[in-house]
N, C-alpha and C. Protein backbone atom coordinates (compact mmCIF):
# COMPACT_ATOMS: atom_id res chain seq x y z
N MET A 1 -22.35 26.54 7.78
CA MET A 1 -21.76 26.89 6.72
C MET A 1 -22.11 25.97 5.15
N ILE A 2 -22.02 26.42 4.05
CA ILE A 2 -22.35 25.46 3.15
C ILE A 2 -20.77 25.11 2.40
N LEU A 3 -20.55 23.71 2.37
CA LEU A 3 -19.44 23.51 1.63
C LEU A 3 -19.64 23.10 0.05
N GLU A 4 -19.52 24.07 -1.16
CA GLU A 4 -20.40 24.05 -2.58
C GLU A 4 -19.34 24.10 -3.02
N ALA A 5 -17.61 23.70 -2.50
CA ALA A 5 -16.45 23.88 -3.30
C ALA A 5 -15.12 23.08 -2.28
N LYS A 6 -14.26 22.50 -3.39
CA LYS A 6 -12.92 21.42 -2.32
C LYS A 6 -11.87 22.09 -3.52
N GLU A 7 -11.19 22.39 -3.23
CA GLU A 7 -10.39 23.05 -4.26
C GLU A 7 -9.48 21.78 -4.68
N ALA A 8 -9.18 21.10 -5.78
CA ALA A 8 -8.40 20.21 -6.29
C ALA A 8 -7.50 21.04 -6.42
N LYS A 9 -5.50 20.79 -6.54
CA LYS A 9 -4.34 21.18 -6.25
C LYS A 9 -4.04 19.73 -7.56
N THR A 10 -4.08 20.22 -8.68
CA THR A 10 -4.06 20.30 -10.37
C THR A 10 -2.04 19.48 -10.95
N GLN A 11 -1.33 18.65 -11.03
CA GLN A 11 -0.49 19.34 -11.36
C GLN A 11 -0.22 20.02 -12.64
N TYR A 12 -1.40 19.84 -13.71
CA TYR A 12 -1.80 20.74 -14.89
C TYR A 12 -3.07 20.82 -15.04
N ASP A 13 -3.35 22.13 -16.09
CA ASP A 13 -5.18 22.88 -15.74
C ASP A 13 -5.71 22.00 -16.49
N ILE A 14 -7.12 21.91 -15.86
CA ILE A 14 -8.05 21.12 -16.50
C ILE A 14 -9.19 21.79 -16.50
N LEU A 15 -10.25 21.18 -17.11
CA LEU A 15 -11.75 22.03 -17.27
C LEU A 15 -12.52 22.14 -15.81
N ARG A 16 -12.49 23.57 -15.81
CA ARG A 16 -13.04 23.87 -14.42
C ARG A 16 -14.24 22.65 -13.70
N GLU A 17 -15.08 22.29 -14.05
CA GLU A 17 -15.79 21.29 -13.99
C GLU A 17 -15.35 19.59 -13.48
N ILE A 18 -14.05 19.37 -13.80
CA ILE A 18 -13.30 18.42 -13.54
C ILE A 18 -12.50 18.89 -12.10
N LYS A 19 -12.11 19.73 -12.24
CA LYS A 19 -11.11 20.73 -11.21
C LYS A 19 -12.07 20.17 -9.85
N ASP A 20 -13.65 21.09 -9.69
CA ASP A 20 -14.31 21.06 -9.22
C ASP A 20 -15.58 20.33 -8.40
N ARG A 21 -15.53 19.01 -9.53
CA ARG A 21 -16.15 17.73 -8.90
C ARG A 21 -15.85 17.33 -7.91
N TRP A 22 -16.34 16.98 -6.42
CA TRP A 22 -16.45 16.32 -5.39
C TRP A 22 -17.44 15.37 -5.26
N SER A 23 -17.70 14.47 -3.79
CA SER A 23 -18.51 13.82 -3.45
C SER A 23 -18.96 14.05 -2.45
N PRO A 24 -19.97 14.72 -2.02
CA PRO A 24 -20.75 15.02 -1.03
C PRO A 24 -21.41 14.48 0.19
N ARG A 25 -21.54 14.60 1.25
CA ARG A 25 -22.38 13.37 1.96
C ARG A 25 -23.45 14.48 2.73
N ALA A 26 -23.24 15.55 2.29
CA ALA A 26 -23.73 16.77 2.98
C ALA A 26 -24.40 17.75 2.19
N PHE A 27 -26.05 17.22 2.09
CA PHE A 27 -27.23 17.70 0.91
C PHE A 27 -28.28 19.14 1.83
N ALA A 28 -28.54 19.47 1.22
CA ALA A 28 -29.25 20.75 1.61
C ALA A 28 -30.82 19.81 1.04
N PRO A 29 -32.37 20.30 1.92
CA PRO A 29 -33.23 19.91 1.05
C PRO A 29 -33.63 20.33 0.25
N GLU A 30 -33.31 21.12 -0.37
CA GLU A 30 -33.99 21.56 -1.26
C GLU A 30 -34.23 20.51 -2.59
N PRO A 31 -35.28 20.59 -3.32
CA PRO A 31 -35.01 19.67 -4.37
C PRO A 31 -34.72 19.66 -5.81
N ILE A 32 -34.85 19.22 -6.18
CA ILE A 32 -33.72 19.35 -7.64
C ILE A 32 -35.57 19.12 -9.03
N ASP A 33 -35.46 20.36 -9.75
CA ASP A 33 -36.77 20.03 -10.50
C ASP A 33 -36.78 19.44 -11.26
N THR A 34 -37.41 18.91 -12.34
CA THR A 34 -37.68 18.38 -13.45
C THR A 34 -36.72 18.74 -14.67
N LYS A 35 -36.59 20.26 -14.68
CA LYS A 35 -35.94 19.91 -15.65
C LYS A 35 -34.36 20.14 -15.80
N THR A 36 -33.96 20.27 -14.43
CA THR A 36 -32.64 20.07 -14.19
C THR A 36 -32.49 18.69 -14.21
N LEU A 37 -32.93 17.84 -13.79
CA LEU A 37 -32.88 16.38 -13.58
C LEU A 37 -32.67 16.07 -14.81
N ASN A 38 -34.21 16.94 -16.19
CA ASN A 38 -33.63 15.95 -17.21
C ASN A 38 -32.65 16.65 -18.52
N THR A 39 -31.62 17.61 -17.94
CA THR A 39 -30.53 18.06 -18.26
C THR A 39 -29.42 17.32 -17.71
N LEU A 40 -29.58 16.45 -16.58
CA LEU A 40 -28.41 16.02 -16.48
C LEU A 40 -28.33 14.30 -17.27
N PHE A 41 -29.86 14.17 -17.09
CA PHE A 41 -30.08 12.80 -17.68
C PHE A 41 -29.51 13.00 -19.43
N GLU A 42 -30.38 14.20 -19.80
CA GLU A 42 -29.44 14.49 -21.42
C GLU A 42 -27.44 14.41 -21.73
N ALA A 43 -27.35 14.64 -20.59
CA ALA A 43 -25.88 14.53 -20.65
C ALA A 43 -25.01 13.08 -20.46
N MET A 44 -25.80 12.38 -19.96
CA MET A 44 -25.70 10.86 -19.65
C MET A 44 -26.15 10.28 -21.66
N ARG A 45 -27.58 10.90 -22.11
CA ARG A 45 -27.24 10.31 -22.92
C ARG A 45 -26.80 10.45 -23.71
N TRP A 46 -25.56 11.60 -24.06
CA TRP A 46 -24.56 11.46 -25.30
C TRP A 46 -23.52 11.42 -24.81
N ALA A 47 -23.27 9.91 -23.34
CA ALA A 47 -22.28 9.88 -23.40
C ALA A 47 -21.20 8.56 -24.44
N SER A 48 -20.49 8.42 -25.09
CA SER A 48 -20.34 7.30 -26.02
C SER A 48 -20.17 5.82 -25.56
N SER A 49 -20.73 4.90 -25.92
CA SER A 49 -21.13 3.57 -25.84
C SER A 49 -20.95 3.20 -26.90
N SER A 50 -20.37 1.54 -26.25
CA SER A 50 -19.88 0.56 -27.73
C SER A 50 -20.80 0.47 -28.56
N MET A 51 -20.44 0.20 -30.18
CA MET A 51 -21.76 -0.05 -30.32
C MET A 51 -23.15 0.68 -30.92
N ASN A 52 -22.66 2.27 -29.88
CA ASN A 52 -23.75 3.32 -29.61
C ASN A 52 -25.44 2.30 -28.83
N GLU A 53 -24.53 1.39 -28.63
CA GLU A 53 -25.48 1.06 -27.45
C GLU A 53 -26.40 1.68 -26.79
N GLN A 54 -25.71 1.97 -26.03
CA GLN A 54 -26.14 2.46 -24.77
C GLN A 54 -26.67 1.98 -23.60
N PRO A 55 -25.84 1.01 -22.88
CA PRO A 55 -27.01 -0.04 -22.09
C PRO A 55 -27.11 0.06 -20.29
N TRP A 56 -26.88 1.43 -20.46
CA TRP A 56 -26.91 2.24 -18.75
C TRP A 56 -29.14 2.50 -18.95
N ARG A 57 -29.04 2.31 -17.69
CA ARG A 57 -30.59 2.69 -17.43
C ARG A 57 -30.53 3.16 -16.25
N VAL A 58 -31.54 4.35 -16.11
CA VAL A 58 -31.28 4.62 -14.22
C VAL A 58 -32.57 4.56 -13.97
N ILE A 59 -33.18 4.44 -12.38
CA ILE A 59 -34.47 4.55 -11.99
C ILE A 59 -33.62 5.41 -10.73
N TYR A 60 -34.74 6.44 -10.63
CA TYR A 60 -34.37 7.41 -9.81
C TYR A 60 -35.53 8.13 -8.97
N ALA A 61 -35.84 8.50 -6.92
CA ALA A 61 -36.55 8.98 -6.95
C ALA A 61 -36.30 10.30 -5.80
N HIS A 62 -37.38 10.99 -5.90
CA HIS A 62 -37.16 12.37 -4.53
C HIS A 62 -37.35 11.88 -4.10
N LYS A 63 -36.99 12.21 -2.25
CA LYS A 63 -36.65 12.70 -1.43
C LYS A 63 -38.97 12.56 -0.59
N GLY A 64 -39.10 11.24 -0.07
CA GLY A 64 -40.60 11.61 0.48
C GLY A 64 -41.39 10.32 0.03
N GLU A 65 -40.69 9.67 -1.82
CA GLU A 65 -41.35 9.14 -2.54
C GLU A 65 -41.22 7.39 -2.56
N GLU A 66 -41.52 6.51 -2.02
CA GLU A 66 -42.08 5.24 -1.54
C GLU A 66 -40.45 4.26 -2.65
N ALA A 67 -39.74 5.10 -3.74
CA ALA A 67 -39.50 4.56 -4.23
C ALA A 67 -37.50 4.88 -3.56
N HIS A 68 -37.89 5.67 -3.00
CA HIS A 68 -36.31 6.61 -2.20
C HIS A 68 -36.66 5.86 -1.46
N LYS A 69 -37.23 5.40 -0.81
CA LYS A 69 -36.80 4.58 1.02
C LYS A 69 -36.44 3.27 0.31
N LYS A 70 -37.10 2.40 -0.67
CA LYS A 70 -36.63 1.79 -1.38
C LYS A 70 -34.92 1.54 -1.24
N ILE A 71 -34.56 2.32 -2.05
CA ILE A 71 -33.52 2.23 -2.17
C ILE A 71 -32.30 2.15 -0.92
N VAL A 72 -33.40 3.81 -0.59
CA VAL A 72 -32.45 3.86 1.32
C VAL A 72 -32.14 2.55 1.86
N ASP A 73 -33.28 1.73 1.85
CA ASP A 73 -33.39 0.58 2.64
C ASP A 73 -32.39 -0.57 2.12
N ALA A 74 -32.30 -0.12 0.63
CA ALA A 74 -30.85 -1.29 0.28
C ALA A 74 -29.84 -0.84 0.00
N LEU A 75 -29.74 0.29 0.90
CA LEU A 75 -27.81 0.50 1.41
C LEU A 75 -27.28 0.19 2.33
N MET A 76 -25.95 -0.36 2.39
CA MET A 76 -24.86 -0.61 3.70
C MET A 76 -25.42 0.87 4.47
N PRO A 77 -25.88 0.14 5.83
CA PRO A 77 -25.96 1.14 6.58
C PRO A 77 -24.96 2.32 6.65
N GLY A 78 -23.97 2.06 6.85
CA GLY A 78 -22.70 3.56 6.44
C GLY A 78 -23.29 4.79 5.61
N ASN A 79 -23.99 3.96 4.40
CA ASN A 79 -24.58 5.01 3.73
C ASN A 79 -25.82 5.49 3.80
N GLN A 80 -26.42 5.19 4.25
CA GLN A 80 -28.16 5.00 4.90
C GLN A 80 -27.88 6.26 5.88
N ILE A 81 -27.03 6.66 6.70
CA ILE A 81 -26.97 7.60 7.65
C ILE A 81 -27.30 8.76 6.72
N TRP A 82 -26.83 9.39 5.64
CA TRP A 82 -26.54 10.02 5.13
C TRP A 82 -27.68 10.06 3.28
N ALA A 83 -26.94 9.37 3.43
CA ALA A 83 -28.19 9.23 1.38
C ALA A 83 -29.77 9.64 1.93
N GLU A 84 -29.88 9.06 2.90
CA GLU A 84 -31.31 9.61 2.92
C GLU A 84 -31.99 10.80 2.77
N GLN A 85 -31.05 11.85 3.02
CA GLN A 85 -31.17 13.07 3.09
C GLN A 85 -31.19 13.49 1.86
N ALA A 86 -30.46 12.43 0.66
CA ALA A 86 -30.48 13.41 -0.43
C ALA A 86 -31.63 13.86 -1.42
N PRO A 87 -31.77 14.73 -1.96
CA PRO A 87 -33.65 14.75 -2.15
C PRO A 87 -33.69 14.65 -3.49
N VAL A 88 -32.57 13.40 -4.30
CA VAL A 88 -32.62 12.61 -5.25
C VAL A 88 -31.68 11.13 -5.16
N LEU A 89 -32.03 10.28 -5.28
CA LEU A 89 -31.42 8.70 -5.41
C LEU A 89 -31.68 8.12 -6.92
N MET A 90 -31.01 7.24 -7.15
CA MET A 90 -30.88 6.82 -8.38
C MET A 90 -29.65 5.71 -8.67
N VAL A 91 -30.48 4.81 -9.11
CA VAL A 91 -30.14 3.45 -8.97
C VAL A 91 -29.71 3.34 -10.46
N ASN A 92 -28.58 2.62 -10.76
CA ASN A 92 -27.80 3.48 -11.93
C ASN A 92 -27.47 1.60 -12.71
N LEU A 93 -27.47 1.21 -13.87
CA LEU A 93 -28.23 -0.45 -14.23
C LEU A 93 -27.55 -0.06 -15.89
N VAL A 94 -27.00 -1.77 -15.93
CA VAL A 94 -26.63 -2.24 -17.39
C VAL A 94 -27.36 -3.18 -17.94
N LYS A 95 -27.60 -3.24 -18.70
CA LYS A 95 -28.57 -4.17 -20.16
C LYS A 95 -27.26 -5.12 -20.13
N LYS A 96 -27.22 -6.24 -20.39
CA LYS A 96 -26.16 -6.48 -19.64
C LYS A 96 -25.22 -7.10 -21.54
N THR A 97 -26.57 -7.81 -22.03
CA THR A 97 -26.58 -8.26 -23.35
C THR A 97 -27.03 -7.10 -24.42
N TYR A 98 -26.34 -7.08 -25.97
CA TYR A 98 -26.29 -6.37 -27.05
C TYR A 98 -27.43 -6.75 -27.22
N THR A 99 -28.54 -5.57 -27.87
CA THR A 99 -29.75 -5.55 -28.49
C THR A 99 -29.88 -6.14 -29.45
N ARG A 100 -28.94 -6.17 -30.49
CA ARG A 100 -29.01 -6.32 -31.70
C ARG A 100 -28.87 -7.99 -31.63
N ASN A 101 -27.57 -8.53 -30.97
CA ASN A 101 -27.54 -10.15 -31.16
C ASN A 101 -27.75 -10.52 -29.50
N GLY A 102 -28.01 -10.21 -29.38
CA GLY A 102 -28.10 -11.09 -27.55
C GLY A 102 -26.39 -11.76 -27.54
N ALA A 103 -25.57 -11.16 -28.19
CA ALA A 103 -24.30 -11.28 -26.85
C ALA A 103 -24.37 -10.76 -25.81
N PRO A 104 -23.00 -11.07 -24.75
CA PRO A 104 -22.59 -10.52 -23.65
C PRO A 104 -21.76 -8.74 -24.60
N ASN A 105 -22.67 -8.00 -23.27
CA ASN A 105 -21.95 -6.84 -23.31
C ASN A 105 -20.46 -6.91 -22.50
N LYS A 106 -19.28 -7.17 -22.99
CA LYS A 106 -18.35 -6.85 -21.77
C LYS A 106 -18.01 -5.20 -21.64
N SER A 107 -18.39 -4.19 -22.13
CA SER A 107 -18.07 -2.93 -22.47
C SER A 107 -19.36 -2.31 -22.21
N ALA A 108 -20.37 -3.35 -20.89
CA ALA A 108 -21.59 -2.47 -20.53
C ALA A 108 -21.26 -1.38 -18.98
N HIS A 109 -20.67 -1.90 -18.61
CA HIS A 109 -19.74 -1.44 -16.89
C HIS A 109 -19.35 -0.06 -17.73
N HIS A 110 -18.25 -0.10 -18.55
CA HIS A 110 -17.21 1.14 -18.90
C HIS A 110 -18.42 1.96 -19.48
N ASP A 111 -19.39 1.42 -20.17
CA ASP A 111 -19.95 2.22 -20.95
C ASP A 111 -21.01 3.11 -20.15
N LEU A 112 -21.49 2.83 -18.97
CA LEU A 112 -22.25 3.65 -17.74
C LEU A 112 -21.17 4.29 -17.16
N GLY A 113 -20.10 3.44 -17.09
CA GLY A 113 -19.08 4.22 -16.23
C GLY A 113 -19.49 6.05 -16.75
N LEU A 114 -18.85 6.19 -18.26
CA LEU A 114 -18.53 6.91 -19.24
C LEU A 114 -20.02 7.97 -19.57
N ALA A 115 -20.80 7.34 -19.01
CA ALA A 115 -22.58 8.39 -18.97
C ALA A 115 -22.68 8.66 -17.49
N ILE A 116 -22.42 8.09 -16.89
CA ILE A 116 -21.92 8.91 -14.99
C ILE A 116 -21.24 9.75 -15.38
N GLY A 117 -19.63 10.01 -16.18
CA GLY A 117 -19.32 10.92 -16.00
C GLY A 117 -19.75 11.95 -16.58
N ASN A 118 -19.78 11.81 -17.78
CA ASN A 118 -21.20 12.81 -18.39
C ASN A 118 -21.73 13.05 -17.14
N LEU A 119 -22.64 12.97 -16.59
CA LEU A 119 -23.60 13.45 -15.59
C LEU A 119 -22.77 14.09 -14.33
N ALA A 120 -21.98 13.36 -14.02
CA ALA A 120 -21.01 14.60 -13.02
C ALA A 120 -20.19 15.68 -13.42
N LEU A 121 -20.05 15.88 -14.59
CA LEU A 121 -19.51 16.71 -15.06
C LEU A 121 -20.70 18.24 -15.07
N GLN A 122 -21.55 17.21 -15.32
CA GLN A 122 -23.12 18.77 -16.45
C GLN A 122 -23.28 19.08 -14.78
N ALA A 123 -23.63 17.73 -13.57
CA ALA A 123 -24.57 18.08 -12.23
C ALA A 123 -23.01 19.67 -11.67
N THR A 124 -22.13 19.23 -11.53
CA THR A 124 -20.71 19.92 -11.31
C THR A 124 -21.76 21.30 -12.12
N ALA A 125 -21.77 21.82 -13.37
CA ALA A 125 -21.58 23.49 -13.89
C ALA A 125 -23.16 23.63 -12.88
N GLU A 126 -23.54 22.44 -12.62
CA GLU A 126 -25.32 23.44 -12.62
C GLU A 126 -25.06 23.29 -11.06
N GLY A 127 -24.06 23.26 -10.11
CA GLY A 127 -24.55 23.18 -8.89
C GLY A 127 -24.32 22.08 -8.11
N ILE A 128 -24.90 21.49 -8.51
CA ILE A 128 -25.23 20.25 -7.68
C ILE A 128 -24.26 19.20 -7.77
N GLY A 129 -24.30 18.59 -6.49
CA GLY A 129 -23.39 17.29 -5.55
C GLY A 129 -24.07 16.12 -6.17
N LEU A 130 -22.91 14.77 -6.64
CA LEU A 130 -23.57 13.63 -6.40
C LEU A 130 -22.34 13.07 -5.79
N HIS A 131 -23.45 11.36 -5.34
CA HIS A 131 -22.13 10.86 -4.72
C HIS A 131 -22.26 9.53 -4.80
N GLN A 132 -21.29 8.88 -5.28
CA GLN A 132 -21.37 7.42 -6.14
C GLN A 132 -21.51 6.63 -5.35
N MET A 133 -22.30 5.41 -4.88
CA MET A 133 -21.84 4.32 -4.05
C MET A 133 -21.82 2.99 -4.79
N GLY A 134 -20.93 2.16 -4.09
CA GLY A 134 -21.50 0.89 -4.22
C GLY A 134 -21.68 -0.21 -2.85
N GLY A 135 -21.86 0.40 -2.22
CA GLY A 135 -21.28 -0.07 -0.81
C GLY A 135 -24.04 -0.28 -1.06
N PHE A 136 -24.24 -0.54 -1.08
CA PHE A 136 -25.93 -1.20 -1.16
C PHE A 136 -25.84 -2.99 -1.65
N HIS A 137 -26.73 -3.39 -0.88
CA HIS A 137 -27.28 -4.65 -0.95
C HIS A 137 -27.61 -5.25 -2.80
N LYS A 138 -27.45 -5.23 -3.67
CA LYS A 138 -27.58 -5.50 -5.05
C LYS A 138 -28.96 -6.52 -5.44
N THR A 139 -28.68 -7.78 -4.18
CA THR A 139 -29.83 -8.92 -5.10
C THR A 139 -31.40 -8.14 -4.01
N GLN A 140 -30.73 -7.34 -2.95
CA GLN A 140 -31.97 -7.02 -1.95
C GLN A 140 -32.64 -5.65 -3.42
N LEU A 141 -31.35 -5.14 -4.12
CA LEU A 141 -32.13 -4.13 -4.91
C LEU A 141 -32.60 -4.37 -6.63
N GLU A 142 -32.11 -5.43 -6.24
CA GLU A 142 -33.03 -6.00 -8.13
C GLU A 142 -34.26 -6.37 -7.54
N GLU A 143 -34.51 -7.36 -6.70
CA GLU A 143 -35.97 -7.21 -6.09
C GLU A 143 -36.19 -6.85 -6.26
N LEU A 144 -36.42 -5.15 -5.15
CA LEU A 144 -37.51 -4.07 -5.10
C LEU A 144 -38.03 -3.33 -6.43
N PHE A 145 -37.23 -3.99 -7.04
CA PHE A 145 -37.53 -3.28 -8.44
C PHE A 145 -37.85 -3.69 -9.90
N ASP A 146 -37.83 -5.48 -8.51
CA ASP A 146 -38.73 -6.55 -9.81
C ASP A 146 -37.57 -5.66 -11.42
N LEU A 147 -36.50 -6.31 -10.79
CA LEU A 147 -35.11 -6.13 -12.59
C LEU A 147 -35.47 -7.33 -13.45
N PRO A 148 -35.68 -7.16 -14.73
CA PRO A 148 -35.41 -8.70 -15.45
C PRO A 148 -33.94 -9.08 -15.63
N GLU A 149 -33.69 -10.16 -15.96
CA GLU A 149 -32.78 -10.83 -15.62
C GLU A 149 -31.53 -10.58 -16.75
N ASP A 150 -31.52 -9.36 -17.59
CA ASP A 150 -30.44 -9.22 -18.36
C ASP A 150 -30.16 -7.53 -17.82
N TYR A 151 -30.55 -6.84 -16.88
CA TYR A 151 -30.51 -5.61 -16.29
C TYR A 151 -29.46 -6.61 -14.61
N GLU A 152 -28.47 -5.28 -14.68
CA GLU A 152 -27.58 -5.55 -13.31
C GLU A 152 -27.91 -3.87 -12.61
N ALA A 153 -27.66 -3.59 -11.35
CA ALA A 153 -28.03 -2.71 -10.76
C ALA A 153 -26.23 -3.01 -10.65
N VAL A 154 -26.06 -1.33 -10.97
CA VAL A 154 -24.70 -1.43 -10.64
C VAL A 154 -23.95 0.06 -9.38
N THR A 155 -24.18 0.45 -9.59
CA THR A 155 -23.86 1.78 -8.24
C THR A 155 -25.81 2.27 -7.84
N VAL A 156 -25.46 3.57 -7.02
CA VAL A 156 -26.14 3.85 -6.44
C VAL A 156 -25.63 5.71 -6.44
N ILE A 157 -26.46 6.58 -6.88
CA ILE A 157 -25.82 7.83 -6.68
C ILE A 157 -26.47 8.47 -6.00
N ALA A 158 -26.12 9.35 -4.78
CA ALA A 158 -27.32 10.66 -4.28
C ALA A 158 -26.87 11.75 -4.52
N LEU A 159 -27.82 12.32 -5.29
CA LEU A 159 -27.96 13.86 -6.35
C LEU A 159 -28.53 14.68 -5.22
N GLY A 160 -27.86 15.93 -4.70
CA GLY A 160 -28.72 17.29 -4.54
C GLY A 160 -28.06 18.63 -4.61
N TYR A 161 -27.54 19.74 -3.62
CA TYR A 161 -27.32 20.70 -3.66
C TYR A 161 -26.75 20.66 -2.68
N PHE A 162 -26.10 21.21 -2.80
CA PHE A 162 -24.59 21.70 -1.47
C PHE A 162 -25.60 21.71 0.24
N GLY A 163 -24.91 20.78 0.85
CA GLY A 163 -25.71 21.18 2.68
C GLY A 163 -24.26 21.15 3.43
N ASP A 164 -24.83 21.34 4.85
CA ASP A 164 -24.18 21.53 5.86
C ASP A 164 -23.17 20.49 6.31
N PRO A 165 -22.34 20.24 6.27
CA PRO A 165 -21.75 19.31 7.00
C PRO A 165 -21.31 18.95 8.05
N ASP A 166 -22.14 20.69 8.78
CA ASP A 166 -22.84 19.79 10.30
C ASP A 166 -23.70 19.22 11.25
N GLN A 167 -24.43 18.57 9.83
CA GLN A 167 -25.34 18.21 9.51
C GLN A 167 -25.03 16.94 9.92
N LEU A 168 -23.39 16.49 9.60
CA LEU A 168 -22.88 15.04 9.53
C LEU A 168 -22.97 14.45 11.06
N PRO A 169 -22.99 13.10 11.30
CA PRO A 169 -21.90 12.89 12.53
C PRO A 169 -20.54 13.07 12.54
N GLU A 170 -19.81 13.31 13.17
CA GLU A 170 -18.80 13.52 13.85
C GLU A 170 -17.48 12.75 12.51
N ALA A 171 -18.19 11.81 12.41
CA ALA A 171 -16.55 10.93 11.50
C ALA A 171 -16.92 11.37 10.04
N LEU A 172 -18.31 11.65 9.58
CA LEU A 172 -18.64 11.77 8.42
C LEU A 172 -18.19 13.17 8.23
N ARG A 173 -18.41 13.88 9.03
CA ARG A 173 -18.05 15.26 8.52
C ARG A 173 -16.62 15.91 8.18
N ASN A 174 -15.66 15.07 9.47
CA ASN A 174 -14.20 15.25 9.03
C ASN A 174 -14.13 15.08 7.75
N ARG A 175 -14.48 13.35 7.63
CA ARG A 175 -14.60 13.19 5.89
C ARG A 175 -14.94 13.81 4.93
N GLU A 176 -16.03 14.80 5.27
CA GLU A 176 -16.39 15.70 4.67
C GLU A 176 -15.27 16.95 4.06
N LEU A 177 -14.96 17.71 5.06
CA LEU A 177 -14.18 18.23 5.36
C LEU A 177 -12.46 18.49 4.58
N GLU A 178 -12.29 16.79 5.05
CA GLU A 178 -10.47 16.50 4.75
C GLU A 178 -10.19 17.24 3.40
N GLU A 179 -9.04 17.27 2.91
CA GLU A 179 -8.17 18.02 1.72
C GLU A 179 -8.63 16.75 0.73
N ARG A 180 -8.60 17.43 -0.39
CA ARG A 180 -8.88 15.90 -1.52
C ARG A 180 -7.62 16.03 -2.01
N ASN A 181 -7.57 15.18 -2.99
CA ASN A 181 -5.73 13.55 -2.86
C ASN A 181 -5.89 13.44 -3.65
N ARG A 182 -5.62 13.20 -4.64
CA ARG A 182 -5.07 11.94 -6.76
C ARG A 182 -3.89 11.85 -6.32
N MET A 183 -3.08 10.19 -6.87
CA MET A 183 -1.84 9.92 -7.26
C MET A 183 -1.37 10.81 -7.28
N PRO A 184 -0.03 12.00 -8.00
CA PRO A 184 0.33 11.25 -8.82
C PRO A 184 0.34 10.67 -10.35
N ILE A 185 0.26 11.75 -11.43
CA ILE A 185 0.87 10.90 -12.75
C ILE A 185 1.12 10.25 -13.28
N ASP A 186 2.24 10.26 -12.47
CA ASP A 186 3.95 9.24 -13.07
C ASP A 186 3.32 7.59 -12.22
N GLU A 187 1.83 7.80 -11.14
CA GLU A 187 2.07 6.55 -10.13
C GLU A 187 0.89 5.58 -11.40
N PHE A 188 0.73 6.15 -12.32
CA PHE A 188 -0.70 5.61 -12.58
C PHE A 188 -0.31 5.67 -14.01
N VAL A 189 1.18 6.25 -14.92
CA VAL A 189 0.67 6.23 -16.02
C VAL A 189 2.35 5.87 -16.76
N HIS A 190 2.35 4.90 -17.06
CA HIS A 190 3.87 4.34 -17.97
C HIS A 190 3.93 4.13 -19.07
N HIS A 191 4.65 4.75 -19.82
CA HIS A 191 5.02 4.95 -21.32
C HIS A 191 6.24 3.76 -21.39
N GLY A 192 5.17 3.16 -22.11
CA GLY A 192 5.92 2.36 -23.18
C GLY A 192 5.73 0.62 -22.82
N GLN A 193 5.62 0.76 -21.63
CA GLN A 193 5.96 -0.41 -20.55
C GLN A 193 5.51 -0.63 -19.22
N PHE A 194 5.02 -1.52 -18.70
CA PHE A 194 3.97 -1.56 -16.97
C PHE A 194 5.03 -1.65 -16.17
N SER A 195 5.01 -1.32 -15.44
CA SER A 195 6.14 -0.52 -14.36
C SER A 195 5.67 -0.95 -12.86
N ARG A 196 6.20 -1.50 -11.84
CA ARG A 196 5.32 -1.54 -10.69
C ARG A 196 5.86 -0.35 -9.78
């Protein structure tokens, strides 16, 4: 059973790609071709950023390549179990200072998030799943890829076409199949003043 969609029960009508985006752990072995990957990177390229700095950088690798294994090795064990099967792994970085003046770029993480948001919507439109992870050994990853001091590894993303949840261990399979949910709008939106 391939699980390509998990219906989001929205309060208001929103873009189909936002409704359909979710974070799978089961990936098909089918590779992602270069043209499709470049389409995803093009979506990232056009994200907005502070002073048009575009501080995001990506290191990616295909399953079977040495760099893919390096990324897997730097993941927390709970992520290694499933992420090693992803056809593509991406390390998402930020440049911590502005190129034009060397000042700290306090918007870099935010801007990376916008670029990944574009990536997520484009991937969803292409029928590709992605799962972003913070569970990795940051120092190990930065050393494995010999990152300059001005760059920081922020997240890792597993990318691939949707696979069969039955290939996952039981606990992960159950999480894969559980219903999607979000807090109601009135729990995070405050009009005029903040309230708890």
